[in-house]
Amino acid sequence: MKINKYPKVMEVSIYKDFRGPLRRVVFMYKNGMYLAWKGAATLEEADSEVEVTPWPYARDITDNAEHCMGMSESMSLKDQIHRIGLERIKEFSGD
């Protein structure tokens, strides 16, 4: 019998080293990407979401994660999105 390990709340990131991770409800791993409900950080939020965001990296949240979280976790979602956007702009512009 196959046990489905998804959906579950995980830390996701566009970076391999998980700097600035976000919590999202991941529901599938497919073609090298973790698929998560857009903006949903809890299973309750995922119930009303229909848009999907692919993430290249995801990991289980450990008890230790609470202590390891940096400034990004204390930032508002709006601030996190803004920061990620600025980082992507820097990557594309070569700065």
Protein backbone atom coordinates (compact mmCIF):
# COMPACT_ATOMS: atom_id res chain seq x y z
CA MET A 1 0.00 0.00 0.00
CA LYS A 2 1.38 3.37 -1.04
CA ILE A 3 1.34 6.06 1.64
CA ASN A 4 0.96 9.58 0.29
CA LYS A 5 3.37 11.93 2.04
CA TYR A 6 1.69 15.03 0.62
CA PRO A 7 0.13 17.50 1.24
CA LYS A 8 2.25 18.86 4.05
CA VAL A 9 3.67 22.15 5.24
CA MET A 10 7.33 22.44 4.24
CA GLU A 11 10.02 25.07 3.92
CA VAL A 12 10.50 26.01 0.26
CA SER A 13 13.10 28.16 -1.43
CA ILE A 14 14.47 29.22 -4.78
CA TYR A 15 17.94 28.78 -3.28
CA LYS A 16 19.74 25.49 -2.70
CA ASP A 17 21.11 26.80 0.63
CA PHE A 18 17.58 27.73 1.77
CA ARG A 19 18.34 31.34 2.56
CA GLY A 20 15.06 33.13 3.05
CA PRO A 21 12.83 30.03 3.12
CA LEU A 22 9.05 30.32 3.10
CA ARG A 23 6.51 27.92 4.56
CA ARG A 24 4.14 26.52 1.99
CA VAL A 25 1.74 23.61 1.62
CA VAL A 26 3.48 21.26 -0.81
CA PHE A 27 1.17 18.77 -2.47
CA MET A 28 3.39 17.10 -5.09
CA TYR A 29 6.91 16.54 -6.39
CA LYS A 30 6.97 16.36 -10.18
CA ASN A 31 9.65 16.79 -12.84
CA GLY A 32 12.22 18.06 -10.34
CA MET A 33 9.95 20.69 -8.78
CA TYR A 34 7.90 20.83 -5.60
CA LEU A 35 4.39 22.07 -6.31
CA ALA A 36 2.81 24.19 -3.59
CA TRP A 37 -0.43 26.08 -3.19
CA LYS A 38 0.38 29.73 -3.90
CA GLY A 39 0.71 31.71 -0.68
CA ALA A 40 -0.76 28.97 1.54
CA ALA A 41 1.34 28.45 4.66
CA THR A 42 -1.20 26.24 6.44
CA LEU A 43 -3.43 23.36 5.41
CA GLU A 44 -6.45 25.55 6.19
CA GLU A 45 -5.24 28.27 3.80
CA ALA A 46 -4.62 25.63 1.13
CA ASP A 47 -8.30 24.61 1.18
CA SER A 48 -9.32 27.83 -0.57
CA GLU A 49 -6.34 28.17 -2.93
CA VAL A 50 -6.38 27.16 -6.60
CA GLU A 51 -3.13 28.68 -7.90
CA VAL A 52 0.11 26.71 -7.82
CA THR A 53 3.73 27.81 -7.42
CA PRO A 54 6.63 25.52 -8.40
CA TRP A 55 9.68 25.52 -6.10
CA PRO A 56 13.06 23.98 -6.93
CA TYR A 57 13.85 23.21 -3.28
CA ALA A 58 11.78 22.01 -0.32
CA ARG A 59 12.58 20.42 3.02
CA ASP A 60 10.74 19.16 6.05
CA ILE A 61 10.35 21.58 8.91
CA THR A 62 12.19 20.32 11.97
CA ASP A 63 11.75 21.36 15.58
CA ASN A 64 15.13 23.01 15.25
CA ALA A 65 13.92 25.12 12.32
CA GLU A 66 12.23 27.55 14.70
CA HIS A 67 15.62 28.39 16.19
CA CYS A 68 17.43 28.50 12.86
CA MET A 69 15.06 30.86 11.09
CA GLY A 70 16.59 34.13 10.14
CA MET A 71 15.20 37.58 9.69
CA SER A 72 13.16 36.53 6.66
CA GLU A 73 10.76 34.49 8.79
CA SER A 74 9.96 37.47 10.98
CA MET A 75 9.35 39.68 7.95
CA SER A 76 5.86 40.11 6.58
CA LEU A 77 4.90 38.16 3.47
CA LYS A 78 4.86 41.41 1.49
CA ASP A 79 8.43 42.20 2.60
CA GLN A 80 9.59 38.67 1.75
CA ILE A 81 8.09 38.87 -1.73
CA HIS A 82 9.69 42.28 -2.26
CA ARG A 83 13.11 40.99 -1.13
CA ILE A 84 12.89 37.91 -3.37
CA GLY A 85 11.90 40.14 -6.29
CA LEU A 86 14.91 42.38 -5.73
CA GLU A 87 17.21 39.36 -5.53
CA ARG A 88 15.85 37.99 -8.80
CA ILE A 89 16.34 41.38 -10.49
CA LYS A 90 19.96 41.39 -9.30
CA GLU A 91 20.46 37.88 -10.68
CA PHE A 92 19.12 38.82 -14.10
CA SER A 93 21.01 42.12 -14.29
CA GLY A 94 24.31 40.51 -13.28
CA ASP A 95 24.92 42.73 -10.22
